[in-house]
């Protein structure tokens, strides 16, 4: 199972990705701004989602809003 970003690049465990669109985070009063780098991603069972840590928050993001950094 290959996990791909919005441009079709293959994502691997530990990669750095960039957010391509402002995203409101459900359950937290924060917005991820476009261009925010996210380091050390973890792959999930779903090829459309990744897990990451931003500050003290654990997030699950859809790969269609990310590009490899």
C-alpha atoms as a PDB file:
ATOM      1  CA  UNK A   1       0.000   0.000   0.000  1.00  0.00           C
ATOM      2  CA  UNK A   2       1.502   3.307  -1.110  1.00  0.00           C
ATOM      3  CA  UNK A   3       0.576   6.558   0.583  1.00  0.00           C
ATOM      4  CA  UNK A   4       0.695   9.516  -1.818  1.00  0.00           C
ATOM      5  CA  UNK A   5       0.452  13.270  -1.301  1.00  0.00           C
ATOM      6  CA  UNK A   6      -1.684  15.662  -3.359  1.00  0.00           C
ATOM      7  CA  UNK A   7       0.926  15.702  -6.172  1.00  0.00           C
ATOM      8  CA  UNK A   8       1.267  11.916  -6.358  1.00  0.00           C
ATOM      9  CA  UNK A   9       4.619  11.701  -4.535  1.00  0.00           C
ATOM     10  CA  UNK A  10       5.046   8.636  -2.322  1.00  0.00           C
ATOM     11  CA  UNK A  11       5.172   9.438   1.409  1.00  0.00           C
ATOM     12  CA  UNK A  12       7.284   7.415   3.826  1.00  0.00           C
ATOM     13  CA  UNK A  13       7.473   7.115   7.605  1.00  0.00           C
ATOM     14  CA  UNK A  14       9.361  10.122   9.055  1.00  0.00           C
ATOM     15  CA  UNK A  15       8.948  12.426   6.021  1.00  0.00           C
ATOM     16  CA  UNK A  16       8.293  16.150   6.280  1.00  0.00           C
ATOM     17  CA  UNK A  17       5.178  17.485   4.554  1.00  0.00           C
ATOM     18  CA  UNK A  18       3.667  20.931   3.976  1.00  0.00           C
ATOM     19  CA  UNK A  19       0.004  21.909   4.325  1.00  0.00           C
ATOM     20  CA  UNK A  20      -1.345  23.214   0.983  1.00  0.00           C
ATOM     21  CA  UNK A  21      -4.570  24.775   2.325  1.00  0.00           C
ATOM     22  CA  UNK A  22      -5.660  26.447   5.579  1.00  0.00           C
ATOM     23  CA  UNK A  23      -7.261  23.711   7.699  1.00  0.00           C
ATOM     24  CA  UNK A  24      -9.450  24.160  10.755  1.00  0.00           C
ATOM     25  CA  UNK A  25      -8.672  21.487  13.342  1.00  0.00           C
ATOM     26  CA  UNK A  26     -11.781  19.889  14.814  1.00  0.00           C
ATOM     27  CA  UNK A  27     -11.821  19.734  18.611  1.00  0.00           C
ATOM     28  CA  UNK A  28      -9.141  22.394  18.974  1.00  0.00           C
ATOM     29  CA  UNK A  29      -9.315  26.137  18.508  1.00  0.00           C
ATOM     30  CA  UNK A  30      -6.513  26.248  15.982  1.00  0.00           C
ATOM     31  CA  UNK A  31      -6.034  26.546  12.249  1.00  0.00           C
ATOM     32  CA  UNK A  32      -3.151  25.009  10.320  1.00  0.00           C
ATOM     33  CA  UNK A  33      -1.997  27.716   7.917  1.00  0.00           C
ATOM     34  CA  UNK A  34      -0.946  26.978   4.355  1.00  0.00           C
ATOM     35  CA  UNK A  35       2.780  26.192   4.179  1.00  0.00           C
ATOM     36  CA  UNK A  36       3.022  24.844   7.745  1.00  0.00           C
ATOM     37  CA  UNK A  37       5.745  22.165   7.831  1.00  0.00           C
ATOM     38  CA  UNK A  38       4.902  18.934   9.636  1.00  0.00           C
ATOM     39  CA  UNK A  39       7.865  16.729  10.518  1.00  0.00           C
ATOM     40  CA  UNK A  40       8.157  13.022  11.300  1.00  0.00           C
ATOM     41  CA  UNK A  41       4.836  11.812   9.917  1.00  0.00           C
ATOM     42  CA  UNK A  42       3.581   8.315  10.699  1.00  0.00           C
ATOM     43  CA  UNK A  43       1.625   6.203   8.245  1.00  0.00           C
ATOM     44  CA  UNK A  44      -1.738   4.701   9.238  1.00  0.00           C
ATOM     45  CA  UNK A  45      -3.757   1.722   8.012  1.00  0.00           C
ATOM     46  CA  UNK A  46      -5.532   4.046   5.576  1.00  0.00           C
ATOM     47  CA  UNK A  47      -3.621   5.213   2.457  1.00  0.00           C
ATOM     48  CA  UNK A  48      -5.534   8.526   2.630  1.00  0.00           C
ATOM     49  CA  UNK A  49      -4.463   9.545   6.171  1.00  0.00           C
ATOM     50  CA  UNK A  50      -1.270  10.173   8.136  1.00  0.00           C
ATOM     51  CA  UNK A  51      -0.656  10.782  11.835  1.00  0.00           C
ATOM     52  CA  UNK A  52       1.527  13.579  13.136  1.00  0.00           C
ATOM     53  CA  UNK A  53       2.353  15.595  16.191  1.00  0.00           C
ATOM     54  CA  UNK A  54       2.073  19.365  16.217  1.00  0.00           C
ATOM     55  CA  UNK A  55       3.142  20.853  19.519  1.00  0.00           C
ATOM     56  CA  UNK A  56       1.412  18.721  22.136  1.00  0.00           C
ATOM     57  CA  UNK A  57      -1.455  17.764  19.817  1.00  0.00           C
ATOM     58  CA  UNK A  58      -1.750  14.414  18.049  1.00  0.00           C
ATOM     59  CA  UNK A  59      -3.402  14.926  14.636  1.00  0.00           C
ATOM     60  CA  UNK A  60      -4.666  12.771  11.794  1.00  0.00           C
ATOM     61  CA  UNK A  61      -4.522  14.568   8.446  1.00  0.00           C
ATOM     62  CA  UNK A  62      -5.815  13.660   4.993  1.00  0.00           C
ATOM     63  CA  UNK A  63      -3.048  13.320   2.413  1.00  0.00           C
ATOM     64  CA  UNK A  64      -5.034  15.321  -0.181  1.00  0.00           C
ATOM     65  CA  UNK A  65      -4.168  18.492   1.820  1.00  0.00           C
ATOM     66  CA  UNK A  66      -0.420  17.748   2.022  1.00  0.00           C
ATOM     67  CA  UNK A  67       2.614  17.883  -0.250  1.00  0.00           C
ATOM     68  CA  UNK A  68       6.041  16.405   0.337  1.00  0.00           C
ATOM     69  CA  UNK A  69       8.453  18.996   1.703  1.00  0.00           C
END
